[in-house]
Amino acid sequence: MPRYVLRLWLPDRPGALGQVASRIGSVHADVVGIEILERGGGRAVDDLVVSLPSDDLVDLLVREVTQVEGVDVEWVQAVDGGDHDPQLALLEAAAGLAAVDDEEARLDLLSAELQRVFELTWLSVVDRPGSAVVIATGPAPPASWVLAFVEGSRHLADQADHGAEDVAWTELGEDRYLAVGRTGRPLRARERRQLAALVRINAAINTAIDGARRPGWRAAPA
């Protein structure tokens, strides 16, 4: 059976999700996954993975769901092979990073995994000294734009909110930054935290391997 991801805006009140599920059931579809991406201002943003009897029911599904008061569909996307499981995808990415010995090769893999997991439009890794571009994929902006964006958003209290819904950044180390963008689909609060967490895992792996290579370092006994 075909599966689709629906990103929905819901009223953040008891029973709203149940009403949506009832509408989904009315077209003989099943909810097989859910992820709460953001809450605030009396609304929630959820990803629902829905299994449909056939592809030609997608339009009807959207019409039914939006019959629930206060519900809007941000976007709908077919699941291309396998299951839509962001948590598993993040774990697989972390496991892949841990299996790479070389730091630069690990950075390449981190960039590729971020691109895959979050379906990014572009990604850029920039060193502040010399405004040097280390990695750039897709229509990435120039290094000067990335550095200006980082400086312009440092004052924000919440590191997960950089003031632009389609762009996010995080530090990769001293004077090195990673910035990403996704056109047409805002990066929600949970996705930003997940992205930052994977970057922190990568940094922890770098530190652990660097420590293991220092002269005189010995692993603790098992």
N, C-alpha and C. Protein backbone atom coordinates (compact mmCIF):
# COMPACT_ATOMS: atom_id res chain seq x y z
N MET A 1 0.85 -1.20 0.00
CA MET A 1 0.00 0.00 0.00
C MET A 1 0.88 1.25 0.00
N PRO A 2 0.56 2.23 -0.81
CA PRO A 2 1.37 3.46 -0.85
C PRO A 2 1.28 4.22 0.46
N ARG A 3 2.38 4.90 0.80
CA ARG A 3 2.42 5.68 2.03
C ARG A 3 2.79 7.13 1.71
N TYR A 4 2.21 8.03 2.48
CA TYR A 4 2.45 9.45 2.31
C TYR A 4 2.69 10.10 3.66
N VAL A 5 3.55 11.13 3.64
CA VAL A 5 3.76 11.95 4.83
C VAL A 5 2.93 13.23 4.68
N LEU A 6 2.09 13.50 5.65
CA LEU A 6 1.31 14.74 5.69
C LEU A 6 1.86 15.60 6.82
N ARG A 7 2.31 16.80 6.49
CA ARG A 7 2.69 17.75 7.53
C ARG A 7 1.49 18.65 7.79
N LEU A 8 0.97 18.56 9.00
CA LEU A 8 -0.28 19.23 9.34
C LEU A 8 -0.07 20.28 10.42
N TRP A 9 -0.84 21.36 10.31
CA TRP A 9 -1.00 22.32 11.40
C TRP A 9 -2.31 21.96 12.10
N LEU A 10 -2.21 21.73 13.41
CA LEU A 10 -3.37 21.32 14.19
C LEU A 10 -3.61 22.27 15.35
N PRO A 11 -4.87 22.44 15.75
CA PRO A 11 -5.11 23.14 17.01
C PRO A 11 -4.50 22.33 18.15
N ASP A 12 -3.77 22.96 19.02
CA ASP A 12 -3.13 22.26 20.13
C ASP A 12 -4.13 22.13 21.27
N ARG A 13 -5.09 21.23 21.07
CA ARG A 13 -6.14 21.00 22.06
C ARG A 13 -6.49 19.51 22.08
N PRO A 14 -6.99 19.03 23.20
CA PRO A 14 -7.36 17.61 23.28
C PRO A 14 -8.41 17.24 22.23
N GLY A 15 -8.21 16.11 21.59
CA GLY A 15 -9.20 15.61 20.64
C GLY A 15 -8.94 15.98 19.19
N ALA A 16 -8.08 16.99 18.95
CA ALA A 16 -7.87 17.44 17.57
C ALA A 16 -7.24 16.33 16.73
N LEU A 17 -6.23 15.66 17.27
CA LEU A 17 -5.57 14.59 16.52
C LEU A 17 -6.52 13.42 16.30
N GLY A 18 -7.37 13.15 17.28
CA GLY A 18 -8.36 12.08 17.12
C GLY A 18 -9.33 12.38 16.00
N GLN A 19 -9.73 13.63 15.88
CA GLN A 19 -10.64 14.02 14.78
C GLN A 19 -9.96 13.82 13.43
N VAL A 20 -8.69 14.19 13.36
CA VAL A 20 -7.94 14.01 12.11
C VAL A 20 -7.85 12.52 11.78
N ALA A 21 -7.53 11.70 12.78
CA ALA A 21 -7.42 10.26 12.56
C ALA A 21 -8.74 9.68 12.07
N SER A 22 -9.85 10.20 12.59
CA SER A 22 -11.16 9.72 12.15
C SER A 22 -11.40 10.05 10.68
N ARG A 23 -11.01 11.24 10.27
CA ARG A 23 -11.14 11.63 8.86
C ARG A 23 -10.26 10.78 7.96
N ILE A 24 -9.07 10.47 8.45
CA ILE A 24 -8.17 9.60 7.68
C ILE A 24 -8.79 8.22 7.52
N GLY A 25 -9.39 7.72 8.58
CA GLY A 25 -10.06 6.42 8.51
C GLY A 25 -11.24 6.39 7.57
N SER A 26 -11.85 7.55 7.37
CA SER A 26 -13.04 7.60 6.50
C SER A 26 -12.70 7.31 5.04
N VAL A 27 -11.43 7.43 4.66
CA VAL A 27 -11.02 7.09 3.29
C VAL A 27 -10.27 5.76 3.27
N HIS A 28 -10.49 4.96 4.34
CA HIS A 28 -9.91 3.62 4.46
C HIS A 28 -8.38 3.66 4.48
N ALA A 29 -7.86 4.72 5.10
CA ALA A 29 -6.41 4.85 5.26
C ALA A 29 -6.05 4.65 6.73
N ASP A 30 -4.77 4.36 7.00
CA ASP A 30 -4.29 4.13 8.36
C ASP A 30 -3.14 5.07 8.69
N VAL A 31 -3.12 5.57 9.92
CA VAL A 31 -1.97 6.33 10.42
C VAL A 31 -0.96 5.32 10.96
N VAL A 32 0.22 5.28 10.35
CA VAL A 32 1.23 4.29 10.76
C VAL A 32 2.45 4.95 11.42
N GLY A 33 2.43 6.27 11.53
CA GLY A 33 3.54 6.97 12.19
C GLY A 33 3.17 8.41 12.46
N ILE A 34 3.73 8.95 13.53
CA ILE A 34 3.46 10.36 13.86
C ILE A 34 4.68 10.95 14.56
N GLU A 35 4.99 12.19 14.24
CA GLU A 35 6.09 12.91 14.89
C GLU A 35 5.65 14.35 15.12
N ILE A 36 5.73 14.78 16.38
CA ILE A 36 5.37 16.16 16.72
C ILE A 36 6.61 17.03 16.52
N LEU A 37 6.52 17.98 15.60
CA LEU A 37 7.67 18.77 15.21
C LEU A 37 7.78 20.11 15.92
N GLU A 38 6.64 20.66 16.33
CA GLU A 38 6.66 22.01 16.87
C GLU A 38 5.34 22.29 17.56
N ARG A 39 5.41 23.04 18.66
CA ARG A 39 4.20 23.47 19.35
C ARG A 39 4.38 24.91 19.79
N GLY A 40 3.31 25.67 19.73
CA GLY A 40 3.37 27.06 20.16
C GLY A 40 2.24 27.86 19.59
N GLY A 41 1.84 28.89 20.30
CA GLY A 41 0.78 29.76 19.82
C GLY A 41 -0.56 29.06 19.65
N GLY A 42 -0.78 28.01 20.43
CA GLY A 42 -2.05 27.30 20.35
C GLY A 42 -2.15 26.33 19.19
N ARG A 43 -1.04 26.10 18.48
CA ARG A 43 -1.06 25.16 17.37
C ARG A 43 0.14 24.21 17.45
N ALA A 44 -0.01 23.08 16.80
CA ALA A 44 1.07 22.10 16.72
C ALA A 44 1.31 21.75 15.26
N VAL A 45 2.56 21.42 14.94
CA VAL A 45 2.93 20.96 13.61
C VAL A 45 3.33 19.50 13.74
N ASP A 46 2.60 18.61 13.07
CA ASP A 46 2.84 17.17 13.15
C ASP A 46 3.09 16.59 11.77
N ASP A 47 3.97 15.60 11.73
CA ASP A 47 4.11 14.76 10.53
C ASP A 47 3.34 13.46 10.78
N LEU A 48 2.39 13.17 9.91
CA LEU A 48 1.65 11.91 9.97
C LEU A 48 2.03 11.06 8.77
N VAL A 49 2.42 9.82 9.01
CA VAL A 49 2.66 8.87 7.93
C VAL A 49 1.38 8.07 7.76
N VAL A 50 0.83 8.12 6.55
CA VAL A 50 -0.48 7.52 6.28
C VAL A 50 -0.35 6.47 5.18
N SER A 51 -0.92 5.32 5.43
CA SER A 51 -0.96 4.25 4.43
C SER A 51 -2.31 4.28 3.74
N LEU A 52 -2.30 4.40 2.41
CA LEU A 52 -3.52 4.53 1.62
C LEU A 52 -3.75 3.29 0.76
N PRO A 53 -5.02 2.96 0.50
CA PRO A 53 -5.29 1.84 -0.39
C PRO A 53 -4.77 2.06 -1.81
N SER A 54 -4.79 3.34 -2.28
CA SER A 54 -4.30 3.65 -3.62
C SER A 54 -3.90 5.11 -3.70
N ASP A 55 -3.03 5.42 -4.67
CA ASP A 55 -2.52 6.79 -4.82
C ASP A 55 -3.60 7.79 -5.20
N ASP A 56 -4.65 7.32 -5.86
CA ASP A 56 -5.66 8.28 -6.33
C ASP A 56 -6.56 8.80 -5.20
N LEU A 57 -6.29 8.38 -3.96
CA LEU A 57 -7.08 8.86 -2.83
C LEU A 57 -6.41 10.03 -2.10
N VAL A 58 -5.24 10.48 -2.58
CA VAL A 58 -4.50 11.53 -1.88
C VAL A 58 -5.31 12.82 -1.80
N ASP A 59 -5.87 13.25 -2.91
CA ASP A 59 -6.64 14.51 -2.91
C ASP A 59 -7.84 14.42 -1.97
N LEU A 60 -8.52 13.27 -1.98
CA LEU A 60 -9.66 13.07 -1.09
C LEU A 60 -9.21 13.09 0.36
N LEU A 61 -8.05 12.48 0.63
CA LEU A 61 -7.52 12.48 1.99
C LEU A 61 -7.29 13.91 2.48
N VAL A 62 -6.68 14.74 1.65
CA VAL A 62 -6.41 16.13 2.03
C VAL A 62 -7.72 16.87 2.29
N ARG A 63 -8.71 16.66 1.44
CA ARG A 63 -10.00 17.33 1.63
C ARG A 63 -10.65 16.91 2.94
N GLU A 64 -10.58 15.63 3.25
CA GLU A 64 -11.19 15.14 4.48
C GLU A 64 -10.50 15.71 5.71
N VAL A 65 -9.17 15.70 5.70
CA VAL A 65 -8.41 16.18 6.86
C VAL A 65 -8.69 17.65 7.13
N THR A 66 -8.77 18.44 6.08
CA THR A 66 -8.97 19.88 6.26
C THR A 66 -10.42 20.23 6.60
N GLN A 67 -11.28 19.22 6.69
CA GLN A 67 -12.63 19.47 7.18
C GLN A 67 -12.63 19.67 8.69
N VAL A 68 -11.58 19.20 9.36
CA VAL A 68 -11.47 19.42 10.80
C VAL A 68 -11.12 20.89 11.05
N GLU A 69 -11.87 21.55 11.90
CA GLU A 69 -11.68 22.97 12.14
C GLU A 69 -10.27 23.27 12.64
N GLY A 70 -9.61 24.21 12.01
CA GLY A 70 -8.29 24.65 12.43
C GLY A 70 -7.14 23.84 11.88
N VAL A 71 -7.43 22.85 11.01
CA VAL A 71 -6.38 22.00 10.45
C VAL A 71 -5.99 22.49 9.06
N ASP A 72 -4.69 22.62 8.83
CA ASP A 72 -4.17 22.98 7.52
C ASP A 72 -3.08 21.98 7.13
N VAL A 73 -2.99 21.69 5.84
CA VAL A 73 -1.96 20.80 5.33
C VAL A 73 -0.82 21.64 4.77
N GLU A 74 0.35 21.53 5.36
CA GLU A 74 1.51 22.29 4.88
C GLU A 74 2.08 21.68 3.61
N TRP A 75 2.22 20.34 3.61
CA TRP A 75 2.66 19.66 2.40
C TRP A 75 2.38 18.16 2.51
N VAL A 76 2.37 17.52 1.35
CA VAL A 76 2.17 16.07 1.27
C VAL A 76 3.29 15.51 0.40
N GLN A 77 3.87 14.40 0.84
CA GLN A 77 4.96 13.80 0.08
C GLN A 77 4.87 12.28 0.14
N ALA A 78 5.02 11.64 -1.02
CA ALA A 78 5.02 10.18 -1.07
C ALA A 78 6.29 9.65 -0.42
N VAL A 79 6.16 8.55 0.33
CA VAL A 79 7.31 7.87 0.91
C VAL A 79 7.94 7.02 -0.18
N ASP A 80 9.17 7.34 -0.52
CA ASP A 80 9.85 6.68 -1.64
C ASP A 80 10.62 5.46 -1.16
N GLY A 81 9.95 4.33 -1.07
CA GLY A 81 10.59 3.09 -0.66
C GLY A 81 10.81 3.02 0.84
N GLY A 82 10.47 1.91 1.45
CA GLY A 82 10.67 1.72 2.89
C GLY A 82 9.75 2.60 3.71
N ASP A 83 10.09 2.73 4.98
CA ASP A 83 9.27 3.52 5.90
C ASP A 83 9.87 4.90 6.11
N HIS A 84 9.00 5.85 6.43
CA HIS A 84 9.45 7.18 6.82
C HIS A 84 9.69 7.14 8.33
N ASP A 85 10.95 7.06 8.72
CA ASP A 85 11.31 6.92 10.14
C ASP A 85 12.51 7.80 10.44
N PRO A 86 12.28 9.08 10.75
CA PRO A 86 13.39 10.01 10.98
C PRO A 86 14.30 9.57 12.13
N GLN A 87 13.73 8.99 13.19
CA GLN A 87 14.56 8.58 14.32
C GLN A 87 15.53 7.47 13.93
N LEU A 88 15.04 6.49 13.17
CA LEU A 88 15.92 5.42 12.71
C LEU A 88 16.98 5.97 11.76
N ALA A 89 16.58 6.90 10.90
CA ALA A 89 17.53 7.50 9.96
C ALA A 89 18.66 8.20 10.71
N LEU A 90 18.34 8.89 11.81
CA LEU A 90 19.35 9.58 12.60
C LEU A 90 20.29 8.59 13.29
N LEU A 91 19.73 7.48 13.80
CA LEU A 91 20.56 6.46 14.43
C LEU A 91 21.50 5.82 13.42
N GLU A 92 20.99 5.56 12.22
CA GLU A 92 21.83 4.98 11.17
C GLU A 92 22.95 5.94 10.79
N ALA A 93 22.62 7.23 10.73
CA ALA A 93 23.63 8.23 10.40
C ALA A 93 24.72 8.29 11.47
N ALA A 94 24.31 8.26 12.76
CA ALA A 94 25.27 8.30 13.85
C ALA A 94 26.17 7.06 13.83
N ALA A 95 25.58 5.90 13.55
CA ALA A 95 26.37 4.67 13.48
C ALA A 95 27.39 4.74 12.34
N GLY A 96 26.99 5.31 11.22
CA GLY A 96 27.90 5.46 10.10
C GLY A 96 29.06 6.38 10.43
N LEU A 97 28.78 7.48 11.16
CA LEU A 97 29.85 8.41 11.54
C LEU A 97 30.86 7.74 12.47
N ALA A 98 30.35 6.91 13.39
CA ALA A 98 31.23 6.25 14.34
C ALA A 98 32.15 5.24 13.68
N ALA A 99 31.80 4.80 12.47
CA ALA A 99 32.61 3.78 11.78
C ALA A 99 33.71 4.38 10.92
N VAL A 100 33.81 5.72 10.87
CA VAL A 100 34.81 6.38 10.02
C VAL A 100 35.94 6.91 10.89
N ASP A 101 37.18 6.60 10.53
CA ASP A 101 38.34 6.99 11.33
C ASP A 101 38.84 8.41 11.01
N ASP A 102 38.79 8.80 9.76
CA ASP A 102 39.37 10.08 9.33
C ASP A 102 38.38 11.22 9.56
N GLU A 103 38.85 12.30 10.19
CA GLU A 103 37.95 13.40 10.54
C GLU A 103 37.37 14.10 9.32
N GLU A 104 38.18 14.34 8.31
CA GLU A 104 37.67 15.01 7.12
C GLU A 104 36.67 14.12 6.36
N ALA A 105 36.97 12.82 6.31
CA ALA A 105 36.03 11.90 5.67
C ALA A 105 34.73 11.84 6.46
N ARG A 106 34.84 11.96 7.78
CA ARG A 106 33.64 11.95 8.62
C ARG A 106 32.81 13.21 8.38
N LEU A 107 33.47 14.33 8.16
CA LEU A 107 32.75 15.57 7.85
C LEU A 107 32.01 15.44 6.53
N ASP A 108 32.65 14.81 5.54
CA ASP A 108 31.97 14.57 4.26
C ASP A 108 30.73 13.71 4.47
N LEU A 109 30.88 12.66 5.29
CA LEU A 109 29.75 11.77 5.55
C LEU A 109 28.65 12.49 6.33
N LEU A 110 29.04 13.29 7.32
CA LEU A 110 28.06 14.07 8.07
C LEU A 110 27.24 14.94 7.13
N SER A 111 27.92 15.62 6.22
CA SER A 111 27.22 16.48 5.27
C SER A 111 26.25 15.69 4.40
N ALA A 112 26.68 14.53 3.93
CA ALA A 112 25.83 13.69 3.09
C ALA A 112 24.63 13.17 3.87
N GLU A 113 24.85 12.79 5.14
CA GLU A 113 23.76 12.25 5.94
C GLU A 113 22.75 13.34 6.30
N LEU A 114 23.22 14.53 6.61
CA LEU A 114 22.30 15.63 6.86
C LEU A 114 21.45 15.92 5.63
N GLN A 115 22.10 15.89 4.47
CA GLN A 115 21.38 16.12 3.21
C GLN A 115 20.30 15.06 3.03
N ARG A 116 20.65 13.81 3.33
CA ARG A 116 19.70 12.70 3.13
C ARG A 116 18.55 12.74 4.14
N VAL A 117 18.89 12.84 5.41
CA VAL A 117 17.88 12.72 6.46
C VAL A 117 16.89 13.87 6.42
N PHE A 118 17.39 15.09 6.18
CA PHE A 118 16.53 16.26 6.22
C PHE A 118 16.11 16.77 4.84
N GLU A 119 16.52 16.05 3.81
CA GLU A 119 16.17 16.40 2.43
C GLU A 119 16.43 17.88 2.15
N LEU A 120 17.68 18.27 2.41
CA LEU A 120 18.07 19.67 2.31
C LEU A 120 18.20 20.11 0.85
N THR A 121 17.95 21.38 0.62
CA THR A 121 18.18 21.97 -0.70
C THR A 121 19.65 22.31 -0.88
N TRP A 122 20.27 22.79 0.19
CA TRP A 122 21.70 23.12 0.11
C TRP A 122 22.33 22.98 1.49
N LEU A 123 23.64 22.87 1.48
CA LEU A 123 24.43 22.75 2.71
C LEU A 123 25.78 23.40 2.47
N SER A 124 26.29 24.08 3.48
CA SER A 124 27.59 24.74 3.34
C SER A 124 28.37 24.66 4.64
N VAL A 125 29.64 24.31 4.55
CA VAL A 125 30.56 24.35 5.68
C VAL A 125 31.59 25.43 5.36
N VAL A 126 31.72 26.39 6.29
CA VAL A 126 32.56 27.56 6.03
C VAL A 126 33.51 27.78 7.20
N ASP A 127 34.77 28.06 6.88
CA ASP A 127 35.75 28.50 7.87
C ASP A 127 35.80 30.02 7.87
N ARG A 128 35.75 30.61 9.07
CA ARG A 128 35.81 32.07 9.13
C ARG A 128 37.13 32.62 8.59
N PRO A 129 38.28 32.06 8.98
CA PRO A 129 39.54 32.60 8.41
C PRO A 129 39.55 32.49 6.89
N GLY A 130 39.64 33.62 6.25
CA GLY A 130 39.68 33.64 4.80
C GLY A 130 38.36 33.39 4.13
N SER A 131 37.26 33.28 4.92
CA SER A 131 35.94 32.96 4.37
C SER A 131 36.03 31.76 3.42
N ALA A 132 36.69 30.73 3.89
CA ALA A 132 36.96 29.56 3.04
C ALA A 132 35.78 28.60 3.07
N VAL A 133 35.33 28.18 1.89
CA VAL A 133 34.28 27.18 1.77
C VAL A 133 34.91 25.79 1.82
N VAL A 134 34.52 25.00 2.81
CA VAL A 134 35.06 23.65 2.97
C VAL A 134 34.21 22.65 2.18
N ILE A 135 32.90 22.77 2.31
CA ILE A 135 31.95 21.91 1.59
C ILE A 135 30.79 22.77 1.14
N ALA A 136 30.30 22.55 -0.06
CA ALA A 136 29.10 23.23 -0.54
C ALA A 136 28.33 22.27 -1.45
N THR A 137 27.04 22.13 -1.17
CA THR A 137 26.18 21.30 -2.00
C THR A 137 24.96 22.10 -2.41
N GLY A 138 24.41 21.76 -3.56
CA GLY A 138 23.23 22.48 -4.04
C GLY A 138 23.54 23.94 -4.29
N PRO A 139 22.50 24.77 -4.39
CA PRO A 139 22.71 26.20 -4.63
C PRO A 139 23.07 26.94 -3.34
N ALA A 140 24.19 26.54 -2.73
CA ALA A 140 24.60 27.14 -1.46
C ALA A 140 24.99 28.60 -1.66
N PRO A 141 24.65 29.46 -0.70
CA PRO A 141 25.06 30.86 -0.79
C PRO A 141 26.55 31.00 -0.58
N PRO A 142 27.13 32.14 -0.94
CA PRO A 142 28.58 32.33 -0.75
C PRO A 142 28.94 32.36 0.73
N ALA A 143 30.21 32.14 1.00
CA ALA A 143 30.69 32.11 2.38
C ALA A 143 30.40 33.41 3.11
N SER A 144 30.50 34.53 2.42
CA SER A 144 30.25 35.82 3.06
C SER A 144 28.82 35.91 3.58
N TRP A 145 27.87 35.34 2.83
CA TRP A 145 26.46 35.34 3.27
C TRP A 145 26.30 34.47 4.50
N VAL A 146 26.91 33.27 4.49
CA VAL A 146 26.80 32.36 5.62
C VAL A 146 27.34 33.01 6.88
N LEU A 147 28.53 33.61 6.79
CA LEU A 147 29.14 34.24 7.96
C LEU A 147 28.31 35.43 8.46
N ALA A 148 27.75 36.19 7.54
CA ALA A 148 26.91 37.32 7.93
C ALA A 148 25.63 36.83 8.61
N PHE A 149 25.07 35.73 8.11
CA PHE A 149 23.86 35.17 8.69
C PHE A 149 24.13 34.67 10.11
N VAL A 150 25.28 33.99 10.29
CA VAL A 150 25.65 33.50 11.61
C VAL A 150 25.78 34.67 12.59
N GLU A 151 26.50 35.70 12.19
CA GLU A 151 26.70 36.85 13.08
C GLU A 151 25.38 37.56 13.37
N GLY A 152 24.52 37.64 12.37
CA GLY A 152 23.26 38.34 12.54
C GLY A 152 22.26 37.63 13.42
N SER A 153 22.45 36.33 13.63
CA SER A 153 21.48 35.56 14.42
C SER A 153 22.03 35.08 15.76
N ARG A 154 23.25 35.46 16.10
CA ARG A 154 23.84 35.03 17.37
C ARG A 154 23.09 35.59 18.58
N HIS A 155 22.44 36.73 18.40
CA HIS A 155 21.79 37.38 19.53
C HIS A 155 20.52 36.66 19.96
N LEU A 156 20.01 35.76 19.14
CA LEU A 156 18.76 35.09 19.47
C LEU A 156 18.95 34.19 20.68
N ALA A 157 17.99 34.24 21.58
CA ALA A 157 18.11 33.50 22.83
C ALA A 157 18.07 32.00 22.61
N ASP A 158 17.23 31.55 21.66
CA ASP A 158 17.07 30.12 21.41
C ASP A 158 17.92 29.73 20.22
N GLN A 159 18.92 28.88 20.45
CA GLN A 159 19.82 28.48 19.38
C GLN A 159 19.10 27.70 18.29
N ALA A 160 17.91 27.15 18.61
CA ALA A 160 17.17 26.38 17.61
C ALA A 160 16.36 27.26 16.68
N ASP A 161 16.29 28.56 17.00
CA ASP A 161 15.50 29.47 16.18
C ASP A 161 16.40 30.56 15.65
N HIS A 162 16.74 30.47 14.36
CA HIS A 162 17.68 31.43 13.79
C HIS A 162 16.98 32.54 13.01
N GLY A 163 15.67 32.69 13.19
CA GLY A 163 14.98 33.80 12.60
C GLY A 163 14.53 33.58 11.17
N ALA A 164 14.96 32.52 10.53
CA ALA A 164 14.53 32.21 9.16
C ALA A 164 14.07 30.75 9.15
N GLU A 165 12.86 30.52 8.70
CA GLU A 165 12.30 29.17 8.79
C GLU A 165 12.99 28.18 7.87
N ASP A 166 13.59 28.67 6.78
CA ASP A 166 14.16 27.75 5.80
C ASP A 166 15.67 27.61 5.89
N VAL A 167 16.28 28.22 6.91
CA VAL A 167 17.73 28.17 7.08
C VAL A 167 18.05 27.87 8.54
N ALA A 168 19.10 27.08 8.77
CA ALA A 168 19.60 26.82 10.12
C ALA A 168 21.12 26.76 10.09
N TRP A 169 21.75 27.01 11.23
CA TRP A 169 23.21 26.91 11.29
C TRP A 169 23.62 26.38 12.65
N THR A 170 24.82 25.86 12.72
CA THR A 170 25.40 25.42 13.98
C THR A 170 26.91 25.47 13.87
N GLU A 171 27.57 25.52 15.01
CA GLU A 171 29.03 25.54 15.02
C GLU A 171 29.58 24.12 14.85
N LEU A 172 30.63 24.00 14.06
CA LEU A 172 31.32 22.73 13.89
C LEU A 172 32.64 22.69 14.65
N GLY A 173 33.03 23.80 15.19
CA GLY A 173 34.30 23.92 15.90
C GLY A 173 34.70 25.37 15.90
N GLU A 174 35.87 25.64 16.40
CA GLU A 174 36.33 27.02 16.47
C GLU A 174 36.44 27.62 15.07
N ASP A 175 35.66 28.68 14.83
CA ASP A 175 35.69 29.41 13.56
C ASP A 175 35.27 28.57 12.36
N ARG A 176 34.49 27.51 12.58
CA ARG A 176 33.93 26.72 11.48
C ARG A 176 32.43 26.56 11.70
N TYR A 177 31.65 26.79 10.65
CA TYR A 177 30.20 26.77 10.78
C TYR A 177 29.56 25.92 9.67
N LEU A 178 28.45 25.32 10.03
CA LEU A 178 27.65 24.58 9.06
C LEU A 178 26.31 25.28 8.94
N ALA A 179 25.90 25.58 7.71
CA ALA A 179 24.60 26.19 7.45
C ALA A 179 23.85 25.33 6.44
N VAL A 180 22.54 25.24 6.60
CA VAL A 180 21.72 24.43 5.71
C VAL A 180 20.46 25.19 5.34
N GLY A 181 19.88 24.79 4.21
CA GLY A 181 18.63 25.40 3.78
C GLY A 181 17.74 24.38 3.10
N ARG A 182 16.45 24.61 3.19
CA ARG A 182 15.49 23.72 2.54
C ARG A 182 14.36 24.57 1.96
N THR A 183 14.26 24.61 0.66
CA THR A 183 13.29 25.45 -0.02
C THR A 183 11.91 24.81 0.00
N GLY A 184 10.90 25.60 0.34
CA GLY A 184 9.52 25.14 0.25
C GLY A 184 9.02 24.37 1.46
N ARG A 185 9.92 23.96 2.35
CA ARG A 185 9.54 23.22 3.55
C ARG A 185 10.34 23.76 4.73
N PRO A 186 9.71 24.54 5.59
CA PRO A 186 10.44 25.11 6.73
C PRO A 186 11.08 24.03 7.59
N LEU A 187 12.21 24.36 8.16
CA LEU A 187 12.88 23.48 9.12
C LEU A 187 12.25 23.73 10.48
N ARG A 188 11.52 22.76 10.98
CA ARG A 188 10.78 22.91 12.22
C ARG A 188 11.70 22.73 13.43
N ALA A 189 11.21 23.14 14.61
CA ALA A 189 12.02 23.16 15.82
C ALA A 189 12.63 21.79 16.13
N ARG A 190 11.84 20.72 16.00
CA ARG A 190 12.37 19.39 16.30
C ARG A 190 13.47 18.99 15.30
N GLU A 191 13.27 19.35 14.04
CA GLU A 191 14.28 19.04 13.03
C GLU A 191 15.58 19.79 13.31
N ARG A 192 15.48 21.03 13.75
CA ARG A 192 16.67 21.81 14.08
C ARG A 192 17.43 21.19 15.25
N ARG A 193 16.68 20.72 16.24
CA ARG A 193 17.33 20.07 17.38
C ARG A 193 17.97 18.75 16.97
N GLN A 194 17.29 18.01 16.10
CA GLN A 194 17.87 16.75 15.62
C GLN A 194 19.15 17.00 14.84
N LEU A 195 19.13 18.01 13.98
CA LEU A 195 20.31 18.34 13.19
C LEU A 195 21.47 18.72 14.10
N ALA A 196 21.20 19.57 15.10
CA ALA A 196 22.25 19.98 16.03
C ALA A 196 22.77 18.80 16.83
N ALA A 197 21.88 17.86 17.19
CA ALA A 197 22.30 16.69 17.96
C ALA A 197 23.25 15.81 17.15
N LEU A 198 22.96 15.63 15.87
CA LEU A 198 23.85 14.81 15.04
C LEU A 198 25.22 15.47 14.89
N VAL A 199 25.23 16.79 14.80
CA VAL A 199 26.51 17.51 14.73
C VAL A 199 27.29 17.33 16.04
N ARG A 200 26.59 17.36 17.18
CA ARG A 200 27.26 17.15 18.47
C ARG A 200 27.82 15.73 18.58
N ILE A 201 27.08 14.76 18.07
CA ILE A 201 27.58 13.38 18.06
C ILE A 201 28.86 13.29 17.25
N ASN A 202 28.86 13.95 16.10
CA ASN A 202 30.06 13.96 15.26
C ASN A 202 31.24 14.58 16.01
N ALA A 203 30.99 15.68 16.72
CA ALA A 203 32.06 16.34 17.48
C ALA A 203 32.58 15.43 18.59
N ALA A 204 31.67 14.70 19.25
CA ALA A 204 32.08 13.79 20.31
C ALA A 204 32.95 12.66 19.76
N ILE A 205 32.60 12.17 18.58
CA ILE A 205 33.40 11.12 17.95
C ILE A 205 34.79 11.65 17.61
N ASN A 206 34.84 12.87 17.08
CA ASN A 206 36.13 13.49 16.78
C ASN A 206 37.01 13.57 18.03
N THR A 207 36.41 14.02 19.14
CA THR A 207 37.15 14.17 20.39
C THR A 207 37.64 12.83 20.90
N ALA A 208 36.77 11.81 20.85
CA ALA A 208 37.13 10.49 21.34
C ALA A 208 38.27 9.88 20.53
N ILE A 209 38.20 9.99 19.22
CA ILE A 209 39.24 9.41 18.37
C ILE A 209 40.54 10.18 18.52
N ASP A 210 40.43 11.51 18.64
CA ASP A 210 41.63 12.32 18.82
C ASP A 210 42.32 11.94 20.13
N GLY A 211 41.54 11.73 21.19
CA GLY A 211 42.11 11.34 22.48
C GLY A 211 42.76 9.97 22.42
N ALA A 212 42.14 9.05 21.66
CA ALA A 212 42.68 7.70 21.55
C ALA A 212 44.03 7.68 20.83
N ARG A 213 44.28 8.70 20.03
CA ARG A 213 45.52 8.72 19.24
C ARG A 213 46.65 9.44 19.96
N ARG A 214 46.35 10.09 21.09
CA ARG A 214 47.41 10.83 21.79
C ARG A 214 48.39 9.86 22.45
N PRO A 215 49.68 10.19 22.42
CA PRO A 215 50.68 9.33 23.05
C PRO A 215 50.39 9.15 24.53
N GLY A 216 50.53 7.92 25.00
CA GLY A 216 50.34 7.66 26.41
C GLY A 216 48.91 7.39 26.81
N TRP A 217 47.96 7.58 25.86
CA TRP A 217 46.54 7.32 26.20
C TRP A 217 46.29 5.83 26.15
N ARG A 218 45.58 5.34 27.17
CA ARG A 218 45.24 3.94 27.18
C ARG A 218 43.75 3.77 27.47
N ALA A 219 43.13 2.85 26.80
CA ALA A 219 41.71 2.60 27.03
C ALA A 219 41.52 2.04 28.42
N ALA A 220 40.39 2.37 29.03
CA ALA A 220 40.05 1.83 30.34
C ALA A 220 39.82 0.32 30.21
N PRO A 221 40.18 -0.44 31.21
CA PRO A 221 39.95 -1.88 31.13
C PRO A 221 38.48 -2.22 31.02
N ALA A 222 38.17 -3.27 30.28
CA ALA A 222 36.78 -3.66 30.10
C ALA A 222 36.21 -4.20 31.40
